[in-house]
Amino acid sequence: MTDATLSLDGLEPISGTVETGGDYIRFSADAALDEGQINGPHEGQLTLDGADERVVVESYHVLEGGGCEITLRRITPTAS
């Protein structure tokens, strides 16, 4: 697990930990986001190991006992 900060467009940044694998990232945090704000497609920026990546939310789940788990997909820049 690696520490990271997720900044979704229009929402306050949230800190948590990530597990990465290919194009997908599983982000876990002790805080939960307002589900009304997170529903629907959201893009944002993930800061991980000093580097920033553009990501899009694939799924969001509130965890029993507190916190949340967000599945993110990396946005691959298109070649010009």
PDB file of N, CA and C in Angstrom:
ATOM      1  N   MET A   1       0.842  -1.175   0.000  1.00  0.00           N
ATOM      2  CA  MET A   1       0.000   0.000   0.000  1.00  0.00           C
ATOM      3  C   MET A   1       0.890   1.242   0.000  1.00  0.00           C
ATOM      4  N   THR A   2       0.496   2.209  -0.809  1.00  0.00           N
ATOM      5  CA  THR A   2       1.240   3.453  -0.944  1.00  0.00           C
ATOM      6  C   THR A   2       0.324   4.624  -0.611  1.00  0.00           C
ATOM      7  N   ASP A   3       0.845   5.607   0.127  1.00  0.00           N
ATOM      8  CA  ASP A   3       0.062   6.799   0.446  1.00  0.00           C
ATOM      9  C   ASP A   3      -0.155   7.624  -0.810  1.00  0.00           C
ATOM     10  N   ALA A   4      -1.359   8.227  -0.907  1.00  0.00           N
ATOM     11  CA  ALA A   4      -1.698   9.040  -2.069  1.00  0.00           C
ATOM     12  C   ALA A   4      -2.752  10.065  -1.680  1.00  0.00           C
ATOM     13  N   THR A   5      -2.904  11.082  -2.522  1.00  0.00           N
ATOM     14  CA  THR A   5      -3.945  12.094  -2.364  1.00  0.00           C
ATOM     15  C   THR A   5      -4.754  12.148  -3.642  1.00  0.00           C
ATOM     16  N   LEU A   6      -6.075  12.097  -3.487  1.00  0.00           N
ATOM     17  CA  LEU A   6      -6.990  12.135  -4.616  1.00  0.00           C
ATOM     18  C   LEU A   6      -7.727  13.469  -4.608  1.00  0.00           C
ATOM     19  N   SER A   7      -7.640  14.198  -5.715  1.00  0.00           N
ATOM     20  CA  SER A   7      -8.347  15.470  -5.880  1.00  0.00           C
ATOM     21  C   SER A   7      -9.313  15.311  -7.048  1.00  0.00           C
ATOM     22  N   LEU A   8     -10.592  15.093  -6.722  1.00  0.00           N
ATOM     23  CA  LEU A   8     -11.604  14.969  -7.765  1.00  0.00           C
ATOM     24  C   LEU A   8     -12.147  16.349  -8.099  1.00  0.00           C
ATOM     25  N   ASP A   9     -12.426  16.573  -9.367  1.00  0.00           N
ATOM     26  CA  ASP A   9     -12.925  17.869  -9.815  1.00  0.00           C
ATOM     27  C   ASP A   9     -14.171  18.256  -9.022  1.00  0.00           C
ATOM     28  N   GLY A  10     -14.137  19.434  -8.394  1.00  0.00           N
ATOM     29  CA  GLY A  10     -15.277  19.949  -7.652  1.00  0.00           C
ATOM     30  C   GLY A  10     -15.392  19.476  -6.213  1.00  0.00           C
ATOM     31  N   LEU A  11     -14.463  18.630  -5.735  1.00  0.00           N
ATOM     32  CA  LEU A  11     -14.512  18.115  -4.359  1.00  0.00           C
ATOM     33  C   LEU A  11     -13.200  18.405  -3.640  1.00  0.00           C
ATOM     34  N   GLU A  12     -13.242  18.415  -2.314  1.00  0.00           N
ATOM     35  CA  GLU A  12     -12.036  18.605  -1.512  1.00  0.00           C
ATOM     36  C   GLU A  12     -11.108  17.394  -1.678  1.00  0.00           C
ATOM     37  N   PRO A  13      -9.780  17.602  -1.666  1.00  0.00           N
ATOM     38  CA  PRO A  13      -8.843  16.479  -1.746  1.00  0.00           C
ATOM     39  C   PRO A  13      -9.029  15.524  -0.570  1.00  0.00           C
ATOM     40  N   ILE A  14      -8.757  14.245  -0.802  1.00  0.00           N
ATOM     41  CA  ILE A  14      -8.880  13.222   0.226  1.00  0.00           C
ATOM     42  C   ILE A  14      -7.601  12.376   0.212  1.00  0.00           C
ATOM     43  N   SER A  15      -7.081  12.064   1.407  1.00  0.00           N
ATOM     44  CA  SER A  15      -5.864  11.267   1.523  1.00  0.00           C
ATOM     45  C   SER A  15      -6.213   9.830   1.824  1.00  0.00           C
ATOM     46  N   GLY A  16      -5.396   8.917   1.318  1.00  0.00           N
ATOM     47  CA  GLY A  16      -5.625   7.505   1.569  1.00  0.00           C
ATOM     48  C   GLY A  16      -4.453   6.681   1.085  1.00  0.00           C
ATOM     49  N   THR A  17      -4.716   5.416   0.836  1.00  0.00           N
ATOM     50  CA  THR A  17      -3.696   4.514   0.336  1.00  0.00           C
ATOM     51  C   THR A  17      -4.193   3.884  -0.961  1.00  0.00           C
ATOM     52  N   VAL A  18      -3.250   3.441  -1.784  1.00  0.00           N
ATOM     53  CA  VAL A  18      -3.616   2.859  -3.073  1.00  0.00           C
ATOM     54  C   VAL A  18      -2.925   1.522  -3.300  1.00  0.00           C
ATOM     55  N   GLU A  19      -3.592   0.710  -4.106  1.00  0.00           N
ATOM     56  CA  GLU A  19      -3.015  -0.495  -4.699  1.00  0.00           C
ATOM     57  C   GLU A  19      -3.162  -0.309  -6.191  1.00  0.00           C
ATOM     58  N   THR A  20      -2.081  -0.479  -6.929  1.00  0.00           N
ATOM     59  CA  THR A  20      -2.137  -0.264  -8.368  1.00  0.00           C
ATOM     60  C   THR A  20      -2.014  -1.576  -9.111  1.00  0.00           C
ATOM     61  N   GLY A  21      -2.577  -1.603 -10.307  1.00  0.00           N
ATOM     62  CA  GLY A  21      -2.492  -2.771 -11.167  1.00  0.00           C
ATOM     63  C   GLY A  21      -2.935  -2.407 -12.569  1.00  0.00           C
ATOM     64  N   GLY A  22      -1.990  -2.255 -13.476  1.00  0.00           N
ATOM     65  CA  GLY A  22      -2.330  -1.910 -14.852  1.00  0.00           C
ATOM     66  C   GLY A  22      -2.971  -0.542 -14.941  1.00  0.00           C
ATOM     67  N   ASP A  23      -4.127  -0.486 -15.614  1.00  0.00           N
ATOM     68  CA  ASP A  23      -4.829   0.778 -15.803  1.00  0.00           C
ATOM     69  C   ASP A  23      -5.681   1.166 -14.600  1.00  0.00           C
ATOM     70  N   TYR A  24      -5.809   0.271 -13.625  1.00  0.00           N
ATOM     71  CA  TYR A  24      -6.726   0.514 -12.501  1.00  0.00           C
ATOM     72  C   TYR A  24      -5.985   0.722 -11.193  1.00  0.00           C
ATOM     73  N   ILE A  25      -6.606   1.525 -10.335  1.00  0.00           N
ATOM     74  CA  ILE A  25      -6.061   1.852  -9.017  1.00  0.00           C
ATOM     75  C   ILE A  25      -7.187   1.706  -8.004  1.00  0.00           C
ATOM     76  N   ARG A  26      -6.916   1.005  -6.902  1.00  0.00           N
ATOM     77  CA  ARG A  26      -7.890   0.916  -5.811  1.00  0.00           C
ATOM     78  C   ARG A  26      -7.434   1.871  -4.718  1.00  0.00           C
ATOM     79  N   PHE A  27      -8.250   2.890  -4.448  1.00  0.00           N
ATOM     80  CA  PHE A  27      -7.955   3.934  -3.470  1.00  0.00           C
ATOM     81  C   PHE A  27      -8.829   3.706  -2.248  1.00  0.00           C
ATOM     82  N   SER A  28      -8.221   3.615  -1.067  1.00  0.00           N
ATOM     83  CA  SER A  28      -8.955   3.432   0.188  1.00  0.00           C
ATOM     84  C   SER A  28      -8.657   4.609   1.105  1.00  0.00           C
ATOM     85  N   ALA A  29      -9.722   5.104   1.771  1.00  0.00           N
ATOM     86  CA  ALA A  29      -9.558   6.246   2.678  1.00  0.00           C
ATOM     87  C   ALA A  29     -10.373   6.027   3.936  1.00  0.00           C
ATOM     88  N   ASP A  30      -9.940   6.657   5.028  1.00  0.00           N
ATOM     89  CA  ASP A  30     -10.672   6.576   6.291  1.00  0.00           C
ATOM     90  C   ASP A  30     -11.918   7.450   6.271  1.00  0.00           C
ATOM     91  N   ALA A  31     -11.926   8.473   5.438  1.00  0.00           N
ATOM     92  CA  ALA A  31     -13.075   9.370   5.322  1.00  0.00           C
ATOM     93  C   ALA A  31     -13.966   8.903   4.173  1.00  0.00           C
ATOM     94  N   ALA A  32     -15.238   9.215   4.256  1.00  0.00           N
ATOM     95  CA  ALA A  32     -16.172   8.892   3.171  1.00  0.00           C
ATOM     96  C   ALA A  32     -16.588  10.194   2.497  1.00  0.00           C
ATOM     97  N   LEU A  33     -16.851  10.119   1.209  1.00  0.00           N
ATOM     98  CA  LEU A  33     -17.334  11.266   0.455  1.00  0.00           C
ATOM     99  C   LEU A  33     -18.856  11.250   0.440  1.00  0.00           C
ATOM    100  N   ASP A  34     -19.445  12.382   0.162  1.00  0.00           N
ATOM    101  CA  ASP A  34     -20.891  12.477   0.015  1.00  0.00           C
ATOM    102  C   ASP A  34     -21.288  11.760  -1.273  1.00  0.00           C
ATOM    103  N   GLU A  35     -22.049  10.666  -1.145  1.00  0.00           N
ATOM    104  CA  GLU A  35     -22.402   9.871  -2.316  1.00  0.00           C
ATOM    105  C   GLU A  35     -23.171  10.679  -3.356  1.00  0.00           C
ATOM    106  N   GLY A  36     -23.916  11.691  -2.926  1.00  0.00           N
ATOM    107  CA  GLY A  36     -24.630  12.538  -3.863  1.00  0.00           C
ATOM    108  C   GLY A  36     -23.695  13.319  -4.769  1.00  0.00           C
ATOM    109  N   GLN A  37     -22.498  13.624  -4.269  1.00  0.00           N
ATOM    110  CA  GLN A  37     -21.520  14.365  -5.056  1.00  0.00           C
ATOM    111  C   GLN A  37     -20.663  13.448  -5.923  1.00  0.00           C
ATOM    112  N   ILE A  38     -20.497  12.210  -5.521  1.00  0.00           N
ATOM    113  CA  ILE A  38     -19.590  11.310  -6.216  1.00  0.00           C
ATOM    114  C   ILE A  38     -20.280  10.506  -7.316  1.00  0.00           C
ATOM    115  N   ASN A  39     -21.608  10.375  -7.269  1.00  0.00           N
ATOM    116  CA  ASN A  39     -22.315   9.614  -8.296  1.00  0.00           C
ATOM    117  C   ASN A  39     -22.157  10.276  -9.652  1.00  0.00           C
ATOM    118  N   GLY A  40     -21.997   9.466 -10.663  1.00  0.00           N
ATOM    119  CA  GLY A  40     -21.783   9.981 -12.011  1.00  0.00           C
ATOM    120  C   GLY A  40     -20.295  10.025 -12.316  1.00  0.00           C
ATOM    121  N   PRO A  41     -19.948  10.277 -13.560  1.00  0.00           N
ATOM    122  CA  PRO A  41     -18.527  10.288 -13.933  1.00  0.00           C
ATOM    123  C   PRO A  41     -17.792  11.471 -13.310  1.00  0.00           C
ATOM    124  N   HIS A  42     -16.678  11.194 -12.697  1.00  0.00           N
ATOM    125  CA  HIS A  42     -15.829  12.233 -12.113  1.00  0.00           C
ATOM    126  C   HIS A  42     -14.398  11.993 -12.561  1.00  0.00           C
ATOM    127  N   GLU A  43     -13.745  13.051 -12.963  1.00  0.00           N
ATOM    128  CA  GLU A  43     -12.321  12.997 -13.254  1.00  0.00           C
ATOM    129  C   GLU A  43     -11.597  13.736 -12.152  1.00  0.00           C
ATOM    130  N   GLY A  44     -10.329  13.434 -12.025  1.00  0.00           N
ATOM    131  CA  GLY A  44      -9.532  14.122 -11.034  1.00  0.00           C
ATOM    132  C   GLY A  44      -8.068  13.810 -11.202  1.00  0.00           C
ATOM    133  N   GLN A  45      -7.325  14.138 -10.155  1.00  0.00           N
ATOM    134  CA  GLN A  45      -5.882  13.948 -10.165  1.00  0.00           C
ATOM    135  C   GLN A  45      -5.479  13.143  -8.946  1.00  0.00           C
ATOM    136  N   LEU A  46      -4.633  12.155  -9.162  1.00  0.00           N
ATOM    137  CA  LEU A  46      -4.091  11.338  -8.084  1.00  0.00           C
ATOM    138  C   LEU A  46      -2.615  11.659  -7.956  1.00  0.00           C
ATOM    139  N   THR A  47      -2.200  12.051  -6.756  1.00  0.00           N
ATOM    140  CA  THR A  47      -0.790  12.304  -6.489  1.00  0.00           C
ATOM    141  C   THR A  47      -0.236  11.084  -5.770  1.00  0.00           C
ATOM    142  N   LEU A  48       0.720  10.435  -6.410  1.00  0.00           N
ATOM    143  CA  LEU A  48       1.252   9.154  -5.943  1.00  0.00           C
ATOM    144  C   LEU A  48       2.761   9.149  -6.164  1.00  0.00           C
ATOM    145  N   ASP A  49       3.528   8.952  -5.111  1.00  0.00           N
ATOM    146  CA  ASP A  49       4.993   8.917  -5.204  1.00  0.00           C
ATOM    147  C   ASP A  49       5.563  10.158  -5.889  1.00  0.00           C
ATOM    148  N   GLY A  50       4.976  11.334  -5.582  1.00  0.00           N
ATOM    149  CA  GLY A  50       5.482  12.581  -6.127  1.00  0.00           C
ATOM    150  C   GLY A  50       5.078  12.870  -7.557  1.00  0.00           C
ATOM    151  N   ALA A  51       4.312  11.991  -8.169  1.00  0.00           N
ATOM    152  CA  ALA A  51       3.858  12.199  -9.550  1.00  0.00           C
ATOM    153  C   ALA A  51       2.341  12.350  -9.575  1.00  0.00           C
ATOM    154  N   ASP A  52       1.844  13.133 -10.518  1.00  0.00           N
ATOM    155  CA  ASP A  52       0.407  13.337 -10.679  1.00  0.00           C
ATOM    156  C   ASP A  52      -0.092  12.569 -11.892  1.00  0.00           C
ATOM    157  N   GLU A  53      -1.250  11.939 -11.743  1.00  0.00           N
ATOM    158  CA  GLU A  53      -1.881  11.215 -12.839  1.00  0.00           C
ATOM    159  C   GLU A  53      -3.333  11.643 -12.943  1.00  0.00           C
ATOM    160  N   ARG A  54      -3.854  11.789 -14.147  1.00  0.00           N
ATOM    161  CA  ARG A  54      -5.279  12.042 -14.352  1.00  0.00           C
ATOM    162  C   ARG A  54      -6.000  10.702 -14.252  1.00  0.00           C
ATOM    163  N   VAL A  55      -7.116  10.703 -13.519  1.00  0.00           N
ATOM    164  CA  VAL A  55      -7.886   9.480 -13.306  1.00  0.00           C
ATOM    165  C   VAL A  55      -9.380   9.781 -13.445  1.00  0.00           C
ATOM    166  N   VAL A  56     -10.166   8.729 -13.645  1.00  0.00           N
ATOM    167  CA  VAL A  56     -11.618   8.824 -13.669  1.00  0.00           C
ATOM    168  C   VAL A  56     -12.159   7.782 -12.697  1.00  0.00           C
ATOM    169  N   VAL A  57     -13.239   8.123 -11.979  1.00  0.00           N
ATOM    170  CA  VAL A  57     -13.848   7.213 -11.010  1.00  0.00           C
ATOM    171  C   VAL A  57     -14.633   6.139 -11.757  1.00  0.00           C
ATOM    172  N   GLU A  58     -14.338   4.884 -11.475  1.00  0.00           N
ATOM    173  CA  GLU A  58     -15.083   3.755 -12.027  1.00  0.00           C
ATOM    174  C   GLU A  58     -16.172   3.296 -11.066  1.00  0.00           C
ATOM    175  N   SER A  59     -15.846   3.253  -9.755  1.00  0.00           N
ATOM    176  CA  SER A  59     -16.848   2.876  -8.757  1.00  0.00           C
ATOM    177  C   SER A  59     -16.473   3.467  -7.405  1.00  0.00           C
ATOM    178  N   TYR A  60     -17.501   3.621  -6.548  1.00  0.00           N
ATOM    179  CA  TYR A  60     -17.324   4.192  -5.219  1.00  0.00           C
ATOM    180  C   TYR A  60     -18.172   3.397  -4.247  1.00  0.00           C
ATOM    181  N   HIS A  61     -17.565   2.993  -3.120  1.00  0.00           N
ATOM    182  CA  HIS A  61     -18.289   2.226  -2.108  1.00  0.00           C
ATOM    183  C   HIS A  61     -17.935   2.745  -0.720  1.00  0.00           C
ATOM    184  N   VAL A  62     -18.963   2.980   0.101  1.00  0.00           N
ATOM    185  CA  VAL A  62     -18.753   3.301   1.511  1.00  0.00           C
ATOM    186  C   VAL A  62     -18.522   1.977   2.228  1.00  0.00           C
ATOM    187  N   LEU A  63     -17.532   1.934   3.103  1.00  0.00           N
ATOM    188  CA  LEU A  63     -17.201   0.712   3.841  1.00  0.00           C
ATOM    189  C   LEU A  63     -17.928   0.678   5.177  1.00  0.00           C
ATOM    190  N   GLU A  64     -18.381  -0.516   5.570  1.00  0.00           N
ATOM    191  CA  GLU A  64     -18.973  -0.668   6.903  1.00  0.00           C
ATOM    192  C   GLU A  64     -17.908  -0.318   7.921  1.00  0.00           C
ATOM    193  N   GLY A  65     -18.191   0.392   8.924  1.00  0.00           N
ATOM    194  CA  GLY A  65     -17.185   0.770   9.910  1.00  0.00           C
ATOM    195  C   GLY A  65     -16.473   2.068   9.558  1.00  0.00           C
ATOM    196  N   GLY A  66     -16.804   2.661   8.423  1.00  0.00           N
ATOM    197  CA  GLY A  66     -16.228   3.956   8.061  1.00  0.00           C
ATOM    198  C   GLY A  66     -15.266   3.895   6.904  1.00  0.00           C
ATOM    199  N   GLY A  67     -15.139   4.999   6.247  1.00  0.00           N
ATOM    200  CA  GLY A  67     -14.222   5.108   5.128  1.00  0.00           C
ATOM    201  C   GLY A  67     -14.872   4.747   3.806  1.00  0.00           C
ATOM    202  N   CYS A  68     -14.045   4.688   2.784  1.00  0.00           N
ATOM    203  CA  CYS A  68     -14.559   4.368   1.453  1.00  0.00           C
ATOM    204  C   CYS A  68     -13.481   3.680   0.628  1.00  0.00           C
ATOM    205  N   GLU A  69     -13.936   3.075  -0.461  1.00  0.00           N
ATOM    206  CA  GLU A  69     -13.047   2.470  -1.440  1.00  0.00           C
ATOM    207  C   GLU A  69     -13.483   2.962  -2.813  1.00  0.00           C
ATOM    208  N   ILE A  70     -12.532   3.477  -3.573  1.00  0.00           N
ATOM    209  CA  ILE A  70     -12.816   4.033  -4.889  1.00  0.00           C
ATOM    210  C   ILE A  70     -11.950   3.308  -5.909  1.00  0.00           C
ATOM    211  N   THR A  71     -12.572   2.796  -6.945  1.00  0.00           N
ATOM    212  CA  THR A  71     -11.820   2.213  -8.050  1.00  0.00           C
ATOM    213  C   THR A  71     -11.650   3.296  -9.102  1.00  0.00           C
ATOM    214  N   LEU A  72     -10.407   3.546  -9.459  1.00  0.00           N
ATOM    215  CA  LEU A  72     -10.057   4.587 -10.433  1.00  0.00           C
ATOM    216  C   LEU A  72      -9.436   3.954 -11.670  1.00  0.00           C
ATOM    217  N   ARG A  73      -9.630   4.595 -12.807  1.00  0.00           N
ATOM    218  CA  ARG A  73      -8.973   4.165 -14.034  1.00  0.00           C
ATOM    219  C   ARG A  73      -8.073   5.305 -14.501  1.00  0.00           C
ATOM    220  N   ARG A  74      -6.850   4.949 -14.840  1.00  0.00           N
ATOM    221  CA  ARG A  74      -5.910   5.956 -15.352  1.00  0.00           C
ATOM    222  C   ARG A  74      -6.410   6.466 -16.702  1.00  0.00           C
ATOM    223  N   ILE A  75      -6.267   7.763 -16.931  1.00  0.00           N
ATOM    224  CA  ILE A  75      -6.583   8.356 -18.232  1.00  0.00           C
ATOM    225  C   ILE A  75      -5.269   8.462 -18.995  1.00  0.00           C
ATOM    226  N   THR A  76      -5.160   7.712 -20.056  1.00  0.00           N
ATOM    227  CA  THR A  76      -3.950   7.714 -20.852  1.00  0.00           C
ATOM    228  C   THR A  76      -3.967   8.899 -21.804  1.00  0.00           C
ATOM    229  N   PRO A  77      -2.937   9.733 -21.779  1.00  0.00           N
ATOM    230  CA  PRO A  77      -2.919  10.871 -22.706  1.00  0.00           C
ATOM    231  C   PRO A  77      -2.920  10.374 -24.143  1.00  0.00           C
ATOM    232  N   THR A  78      -3.638  11.079 -24.991  1.00  0.00           N
ATOM    233  CA  THR A  78      -3.680  10.696 -26.406  1.00  0.00           C
ATOM    234  C   THR A  78      -2.487  11.326 -27.125  1.00  0.00           C
ATOM    235  N   ALA A  79      -1.957  10.608 -28.088  1.00  0.00           N
ATOM    236  CA  ALA A  79      -0.831  11.120 -28.862  1.00  0.00           C
ATOM    237  C   ALA A  79      -1.311  12.214 -29.799  1.00  0.00           C
ATOM    238  N   SER A  80      -0.532  13.285 -29.925  1.00  0.00           N
ATOM    239  CA  SER A  80      -0.947  14.386 -30.800  1.00  0.00           C
ATOM    240  C   SER A  80      -0.463  14.138 -32.213  1.00  0.00           C
TER     241      SER A  80
END
